[in-house]
Protein backbone atom coordinates (compact mmCIF):
# COMPACT_ATOMS: atom_id res chain seq x y z
CA MET A 1 -6.29 -44.64 -29.02
CA ARG A 2 -9.92 -43.66 -28.39
CA PHE A 3 -12.14 -42.82 -31.35
CA PHE A 4 -15.41 -40.92 -31.53
CA PRO A 5 -17.77 -43.12 -33.59
CA LYS A 6 -19.28 -42.14 -36.90
CA CYS A 7 -21.02 -44.16 -39.59
CA VAL A 8 -18.49 -45.30 -42.17
CA GLY A 9 -18.77 -48.34 -44.42
CA ALA A 10 -15.22 -48.46 -45.75
CA THR A 11 -14.83 -52.19 -45.22
CA ALA A 12 -18.34 -53.28 -46.16
CA VAL A 13 -16.91 -55.29 -49.03
CA ALA A 14 -14.46 -57.08 -46.73
CA LEU A 15 -17.23 -57.89 -44.28
CA ALA A 16 -19.53 -59.08 -47.03
CA ALA A 17 -16.87 -61.54 -48.16
CA PHE A 18 -17.51 -63.66 -45.10
CA THR A 19 -20.44 -66.05 -45.17
CA PHE A 20 -21.21 -66.50 -41.53
CA ALA A 21 -24.30 -66.23 -39.38
CA PRO A 22 -24.17 -63.16 -37.10
CA ALA A 23 -24.18 -63.91 -33.38
CA ALA A 24 -26.96 -61.72 -31.98
CA ALA A 25 -26.44 -60.19 -28.54
CA ASN A 26 -29.45 -62.04 -27.11
CA ALA A 27 -28.17 -65.43 -28.31
CA SER A 28 -25.21 -67.48 -27.16
CA THR A 29 -22.12 -66.29 -28.98
CA LEU A 30 -20.34 -69.50 -28.05
CA ASP A 31 -23.07 -71.61 -29.65
CA ALA A 32 -23.00 -69.47 -32.80
CA VAL A 33 -19.21 -69.73 -33.03
CA LYS A 34 -19.29 -73.51 -32.57
CA GLN A 35 -22.07 -73.94 -35.10
CA ARG A 36 -20.18 -71.84 -37.65
CA GLY A 37 -16.95 -73.69 -36.93
CA SER A 38 -14.85 -70.57 -36.67
CA LEU A 39 -14.34 -67.39 -34.64
CA VAL A 40 -14.84 -64.11 -36.51
CA CYS A 41 -12.42 -61.59 -35.06
CA GLY A 42 -12.20 -57.90 -35.88
CA VAL A 43 -8.67 -56.51 -36.17
CA SER A 44 -6.96 -53.40 -37.55
CA ASN A 45 -6.24 -52.68 -41.19
CA GLY A 46 -2.56 -53.06 -40.43
CA ILE A 47 -0.57 -52.02 -37.37
CA ALA A 48 2.80 -53.73 -37.07
CA GLY A 49 3.11 -55.75 -33.90
CA PHE A 50 -0.64 -55.81 -33.26
CA SER A 51 -2.49 -56.97 -36.37
CA ILE A 52 -0.99 -56.98 -39.83
CA LYS A 53 -1.22 -59.27 -42.87
CA ASP A 54 1.85 -60.22 -44.90
CA ASP A 55 2.07 -60.63 -48.68
CA LYS A 56 1.01 -64.29 -48.30
CA GLY A 57 -2.16 -63.32 -46.47
CA VAL A 58 -0.95 -64.51 -43.06
CA TRP A 59 -1.97 -62.39 -40.08
CA SER A 60 0.32 -61.73 -37.12
CA GLY A 61 0.49 -59.50 -34.05
CA LEU A 62 -0.46 -59.32 -30.40
CA ASP A 63 -4.16 -58.74 -31.14
CA VAL A 64 -4.12 -61.51 -33.73
CA ASP A 65 -2.55 -63.93 -31.24
CA PHE A 66 -5.32 -63.14 -28.77
CA CYS A 67 -7.92 -64.09 -31.38
CA ARG A 68 -6.04 -67.34 -31.92
CA ALA A 69 -5.92 -67.93 -28.16
CA VAL A 70 -9.71 -67.67 -27.94
CA SER A 71 -10.00 -70.05 -30.90
CA ALA A 72 -7.65 -72.49 -29.14
CA ALA A 73 -9.79 -72.32 -25.99
CA VAL A 74 -13.03 -72.94 -27.90
CA PHE A 75 -11.93 -75.41 -30.57
CA GLY A 76 -8.56 -76.70 -29.38
CA ASP A 77 -7.28 -75.22 -32.64
CA PRO A 78 -5.79 -71.70 -32.91
CA ASN A 79 -6.38 -71.51 -36.65
CA LYS A 80 -10.17 -71.55 -36.73
CA VAL A 81 -10.30 -67.76 -37.01
CA GLU A 82 -11.61 -65.49 -39.75
CA PHE A 83 -9.94 -62.08 -39.49
CA VAL A 84 -11.96 -59.02 -40.49
CA PRO A 85 -9.90 -55.81 -40.90
CA LEU A 86 -11.81 -52.77 -39.68
CA GLN A 87 -11.33 -49.03 -39.72
CA ALA A 88 -11.23 -47.55 -36.23
CA ASP A 89 -14.46 -45.61 -36.66
CA GLU A 90 -16.48 -48.67 -37.73
CA ARG A 91 -15.13 -51.32 -35.37
CA PHE A 92 -17.72 -50.91 -32.62
CA ALA A 93 -20.63 -50.91 -35.08
CA ALA A 94 -19.33 -54.16 -36.60
CA LEU A 95 -19.27 -55.76 -33.14
CA LYS A 96 -22.70 -54.50 -32.08
CA SER A 97 -24.30 -55.65 -35.34
CA GLY A 98 -23.00 -59.20 -34.88
CA LYS A 99 -20.72 -59.11 -37.91
CA ILE A 100 -17.84 -60.12 -35.67
CA ASP A 101 -17.78 -62.20 -32.48
CA LEU A 102 -14.84 -60.43 -30.87
CA LEU A 103 -13.02 -57.16 -31.38
CA SER A 104 -9.28 -57.40 -30.81
CA ARG A 105 -8.09 -54.15 -32.33
CA ASN A 106 -5.96 -51.80 -30.15
CA SER A 107 -9.10 -50.32 -28.58
CA THR A 108 -8.92 -48.13 -25.49
CA TRP A 109 -10.95 -49.17 -22.45
CA ALA A 110 -12.66 -45.86 -21.73
CA PHE A 111 -16.12 -44.86 -20.51
CA SER A 112 -17.26 -43.68 -23.94
CA ASN A 113 -16.06 -46.89 -25.61
CA GLU A 114 -17.71 -49.18 -23.07
CA VAL A 115 -20.77 -47.56 -21.47
CA GLY A 116 -21.27 -45.12 -24.33
CA GLN A 117 -21.17 -47.89 -26.92
CA GLY A 118 -23.07 -50.48 -24.87
CA LEU A 119 -20.13 -52.93 -24.97
CA ASN A 120 -17.91 -54.79 -22.50
CA PHE A 121 -14.12 -54.73 -22.35
CA ALA A 122 -12.73 -58.08 -21.22
CA GLY A 123 -9.44 -56.89 -19.74
CA VAL A 124 -6.23 -55.15 -20.72
CA THR A 125 -3.84 -56.90 -23.06
CA TYR A 126 -1.58 -53.86 -23.47
CA TYR A 127 -1.11 -50.76 -21.33
CA ASP A 128 -0.38 -47.89 -23.69
CA GLY A 129 -0.39 -44.09 -23.71
CA GLN A 130 -0.14 -41.21 -26.15
CA GLY A 131 3.29 -39.94 -27.04
CA PHE A 132 5.31 -38.03 -29.64
CA LEU A 133 7.48 -39.03 -32.62
CA VAL A 134 10.07 -36.40 -33.58
CA PRO A 135 13.10 -36.11 -35.88
CA LYS A 136 16.32 -36.64 -33.94
CA LYS A 137 17.78 -33.55 -35.60
CA ARG A 138 15.45 -31.44 -33.42
CA LYS A 139 17.47 -32.73 -30.45
CA ALA A 140 14.32 -32.67 -28.31
CA THR A 141 14.42 -34.78 -25.17
CA SER A 142 11.04 -33.78 -23.77
CA ALA A 143 7.59 -32.82 -25.05
CA LEU A 144 8.05 -29.60 -23.09
CA GLU A 145 10.44 -28.55 -25.85
CA LEU A 146 7.75 -28.72 -28.57
CA ASP A 147 6.22 -25.28 -28.07
CA GLY A 148 5.06 -23.75 -31.35
CA THR A 149 5.30 -26.93 -33.42
CA LYS A 150 2.96 -28.40 -36.04
CA ILE A 151 1.66 -31.75 -34.78
CA CYS A 152 0.01 -34.35 -37.02
CA VAL A 153 -2.96 -36.08 -35.40
CA LYS A 154 -5.69 -38.42 -36.59
CA THR A 155 -9.17 -36.95 -36.99
CA GLY A 156 -12.05 -38.58 -35.12
CA THR A 157 -9.81 -39.46 -32.19
CA THR A 158 -8.99 -37.98 -28.82
CA SER A 159 -5.36 -37.50 -29.84
CA GLU A 160 -5.84 -33.82 -30.65
CA ALA A 161 -7.77 -33.21 -27.43
CA ASN A 162 -5.06 -34.93 -25.39
CA VAL A 163 -2.35 -32.82 -27.03
CA ALA A 164 -4.41 -29.64 -26.52
CA ASP A 165 -4.86 -30.43 -22.82
CA TYR A 166 -1.16 -31.13 -22.40
CA PHE A 167 -0.03 -27.95 -24.16
CA LYS A 168 -2.58 -25.81 -22.35
CA ALA A 169 -1.54 -27.23 -18.98
CA ASN A 170 2.07 -26.36 -19.76
CA GLN A 171 1.28 -22.94 -21.29
CA MET A 172 2.50 -23.89 -24.74
CA LYS A 173 1.05 -23.57 -28.23
CA PHE A 174 0.83 -25.97 -31.17
CA GLU A 175 -0.80 -26.15 -34.59
CA PRO A 176 -2.79 -29.35 -35.27
CA VAL A 177 -2.48 -30.91 -38.74
CA ARG A 178 -5.34 -33.38 -39.15
CA PHE A 179 -5.65 -36.47 -41.37
CA GLU A 180 -8.07 -39.42 -41.43
CA GLN A 181 -5.50 -42.07 -42.30
CA MET A 182 -2.22 -42.82 -40.55
CA LYS A 183 -0.52 -43.30 -43.93
CA ASP A 184 -1.35 -39.68 -44.76
CA ILE A 185 0.04 -38.56 -41.40
CA VAL A 186 3.29 -40.38 -42.09
CA ALA A 187 3.51 -38.89 -45.58
CA ALA A 188 2.91 -35.39 -44.20
CA TYR A 189 5.54 -35.90 -41.51
CA GLN A 190 8.14 -37.10 -44.02
CA GLY A 191 7.17 -34.27 -46.37
CA GLY A 192 7.74 -31.61 -43.73
CA LYS A 193 4.07 -30.60 -43.41
CA CYS A 194 4.23 -31.26 -39.67
CA ASP A 195 7.08 -31.40 -37.18
CA VAL A 196 5.75 -34.11 -34.88
CA ILE A 197 3.34 -37.08 -34.90
CA SER A 198 1.28 -37.72 -31.78
CA SER A 199 -0.51 -41.05 -31.28
CA ASP A 200 -0.39 -44.12 -29.05
CA VAL A 201 3.24 -44.95 -28.28
CA SER A 202 2.90 -48.51 -29.61
CA GLN A 203 1.59 -47.18 -32.92
CA LEU A 204 4.43 -44.68 -33.12
CA TYR A 205 6.89 -47.57 -32.83
CA ALA A 206 5.02 -49.39 -35.60
CA GLU A 207 4.87 -46.39 -37.92
CA ARG A 208 8.54 -45.55 -37.36
CA LEU A 209 9.43 -48.87 -38.99
CA GLY A 210 7.94 -47.65 -42.26
CA LEU A 211 9.80 -44.35 -42.40
CA ALA A 212 12.48 -43.86 -45.04
CA LYS A 213 15.12 -43.52 -42.30
CA PRO A 214 13.68 -44.95 -39.04
CA GLY A 215 16.92 -44.44 -37.14
CA GLU A 216 16.74 -40.69 -37.63
CA ASN A 217 13.52 -40.43 -35.63
CA ALA A 218 12.91 -40.72 -31.89
CA ILE A 219 9.94 -41.43 -29.64
CA LEU A 220 10.03 -39.14 -26.63
CA ALA A 221 9.71 -40.60 -23.15
CA ASP A 222 6.72 -38.38 -22.32
CA VAL A 223 3.36 -40.20 -22.12
CA ILE A 224 0.41 -37.81 -21.85
CA SER A 225 -2.62 -40.11 -21.55
CA LYS A 226 -3.83 -43.49 -20.32
CA GLU A 227 -4.67 -45.91 -23.13
CA PRO A 228 -5.40 -49.40 -21.72
CA LEU A 229 -5.99 -51.56 -24.81
CA GLY A 230 -8.00 -54.76 -24.73
CA PRO A 231 -10.54 -57.09 -26.37
CA VAL A 232 -14.20 -56.11 -26.59
CA VAL A 233 -17.45 -58.10 -26.69
CA ARG A 234 -21.14 -57.29 -26.84
CA GLN A 235 -23.12 -56.74 -23.67
CA GLY A 236 -25.78 -59.29 -22.77
CA ASP A 237 -23.74 -62.51 -23.09
CA ASP A 238 -21.98 -63.15 -19.79
CA GLN A 239 -20.75 -66.58 -20.86
CA TRP A 240 -18.86 -65.17 -23.83
CA LEU A 241 -17.51 -62.29 -21.74
CA ASN A 242 -16.24 -64.80 -19.17
CA ILE A 243 -14.56 -66.92 -21.85
CA VAL A 244 -12.72 -63.99 -23.44
CA LYS A 245 -11.82 -62.54 -20.05
CA TRP A 246 -10.44 -65.79 -18.67
CA VAL A 247 -8.44 -66.58 -21.79
CA ASN A 248 -6.57 -63.35 -21.07
CA PHE A 249 -6.23 -64.24 -17.38
CA ALA A 250 -5.08 -67.78 -18.21
CA MET A 251 -2.26 -66.41 -20.40
CA LEU A 252 -1.15 -64.06 -17.62
CA ASN A 253 -1.35 -66.72 -14.91
CA ALA A 254 0.57 -69.14 -17.12
CA GLU A 255 3.48 -66.72 -17.42
CA GLU A 256 3.44 -66.05 -13.69
CA LEU A 257 3.50 -69.81 -12.99
CA GLY A 258 6.32 -70.40 -15.50
CA VAL A 259 4.09 -72.41 -17.83
CA SER A 260 5.00 -71.78 -21.47
CA LYS A 261 4.97 -73.57 -24.82
CA ASN A 262 8.41 -74.93 -23.97
CA THR A 263 7.53 -76.12 -20.46
CA ILE A 264 4.06 -77.51 -21.09
CA GLU A 265 5.18 -81.14 -20.71
CA GLN A 266 6.69 -80.43 -17.29
CA ALA A 267 3.53 -78.59 -16.32
CA LEU A 268 1.45 -81.66 -17.07
CA LYS A 269 3.51 -83.56 -14.50
CA SER A 270 3.38 -80.82 -11.87
CA GLN A 271 1.79 -81.44 -8.48
CA LYS A 272 1.31 -77.74 -7.74
CA PRO A 273 -2.43 -77.08 -7.34
CA SER A 274 -2.27 -73.80 -9.27
CA VAL A 275 -0.53 -75.47 -12.22
CA ARG A 276 -2.87 -78.48 -12.13
CA ARG A 277 -5.88 -76.17 -12.28
CA LEU A 278 -4.38 -74.36 -15.26
CA THR A 279 -3.73 -77.58 -17.18
CA GLY A 280 -7.15 -79.01 -16.34
CA ALA A 281 -5.87 -81.80 -14.10
CA GLU A 282 -7.98 -80.42 -11.25
CA GLY A 283 -11.28 -78.58 -11.08
CA ASP A 284 -14.11 -78.20 -13.58
CA PHE A 285 -13.33 -74.70 -14.86
CA GLY A 286 -13.74 -75.69 -18.51
CA LYS A 287 -17.20 -77.10 -17.85
CA GLN A 288 -18.26 -73.92 -16.07
CA LEU A 289 -17.22 -71.88 -19.12
CA GLY A 290 -18.85 -74.29 -21.57
CA LEU A 291 -15.46 -75.43 -22.83
CA SER A 292 -13.35 -78.58 -22.65
CA GLN A 293 -11.31 -79.34 -19.56
CA ASP A 294 -8.05 -78.54 -21.38
CA TRP A 295 -9.13 -75.10 -22.66
CA ALA A 296 -6.35 -73.18 -20.88
CA LEU A 297 -3.79 -75.86 -21.67
CA ASN A 298 -4.62 -75.49 -25.38
CA VAL A 299 -4.20 -71.71 -25.18
CA VAL A 300 -0.67 -71.96 -23.78
CA LYS A 301 0.37 -75.02 -25.78
CA LYS A 302 -0.78 -73.70 -29.14
CA VAL A 303 -0.39 -69.91 -28.79
CA GLY A 304 1.73 -69.23 -25.70
CA ASN A 305 1.53 -67.42 -22.40
CA TYR A 306 1.18 -63.65 -22.22
CA GLY A 307 4.91 -62.94 -22.10
CA GLU A 308 5.60 -65.15 -25.11
CA THR A 309 3.00 -63.43 -27.28
CA LEU A 310 4.08 -59.98 -26.12
CA GLU A 311 7.79 -60.51 -26.71
CA ARG A 312 7.51 -62.02 -30.17
CA ASN A 313 5.19 -59.28 -31.42
CA VAL A 314 6.15 -56.00 -29.75
CA GLY A 315 8.89 -56.82 -27.22
CA ALA A 316 12.49 -55.72 -27.00
CA LYS A 317 13.65 -58.47 -29.39
CA SER A 318 10.87 -57.89 -31.95
CA LYS A 319 11.02 -55.44 -34.86
CA LEU A 320 9.23 -52.83 -32.75
CA GLY A 321 11.68 -53.23 -29.87
CA ILE A 322 9.40 -51.91 -27.11
CA ALA A 323 10.46 -52.50 -23.50
CA ARG A 324 7.79 -54.24 -21.41
CA GLY A 325 7.45 -51.37 -18.96
CA LEU A 326 3.92 -51.26 -17.57
CA ASN A 327 3.15 -54.53 -19.34
CA GLN A 328 5.51 -56.45 -17.09
CA LEU A 329 3.87 -58.82 -14.60
CA TRP A 330 2.99 -57.34 -11.21
CA THR A 331 5.63 -59.59 -9.65
CA MET A 332 8.21 -57.74 -11.74
CA GLY A 333 6.96 -54.22 -11.05
CA GLY A 334 4.43 -53.96 -13.89
CA LEU A 335 0.65 -53.61 -14.02
CA GLN A 336 -0.26 -56.98 -15.50
CA TYR A 337 -2.12 -58.85 -12.78
CA ALA A 338 -4.67 -61.64 -13.26
CA PRO A 339 -7.21 -63.03 -10.78
CA PRO A 340 -6.33 -66.59 -9.73
CA LEU A 341 -7.84 -69.64 -11.36
CA ARG A 342 -9.38 -71.29 -8.32
């Protein structure tokens, strides 16, 4: 989901709770992270499957696992991460100010979010798109059947604009019902104040879990926008951009090569050049990044390859139950494709 920025300090208290030295854009983020002894990672306030904290204070989700993967690459330890929950409309400001080292918070790689914000996206960890959540009793099978409906959307986002474009293109009408918080959207939907919720499909799956009767609601197959989600870093630090980018690529290449948490011991014995480069047995890729030789090995061993993290957090066997679809590897007909480590 793409958000238009505005100045909001809703989580200033949460940010102030951390006692860390900001990593300025003109300094080495890696050096600042190492000196501090932890990675400060910006995540969402709570989206199931992506970044959410349980009642014991433990964070989980696809975005959270990516933070841990970067920590594993830098420290050899996935747990040296301080998670900072951020509202969508303050996330980019927190990154630019140096309050966080990395933003891993279901952020759309779009021109306005990269060039417009003066930031760099380091890849796509999840290919998403905007869709529609509807009550099954409507018996709708397509968004083309939603003419004249009230649709709940989040203010400050492009969700309303995307819906407006879609309805205009198909000569239909709708009435937008706007809220700032997703919890208010869900409450309005359950209270009958709107007929439909429109947001990123992954978020619709997450929010459906919290409905009083999840099974009585359906997510339509229609996807009306491109929402490639990925981690974000500040511009001006190519070393840090390369580290974050290649952690993502290492996880993808590991899955493609069949290297997982369960097969790591076999991988260490492999004579395949591509596997040996991944485990650090050949090449000096870690040195070139400013990391240890076993940086990629630590990512897979201690967090997992891309498929492992995806499946346990949002996959078909997770609570969200989302099919891999576009997030399947390119060898399996999906869009996930990583440059080779060579």
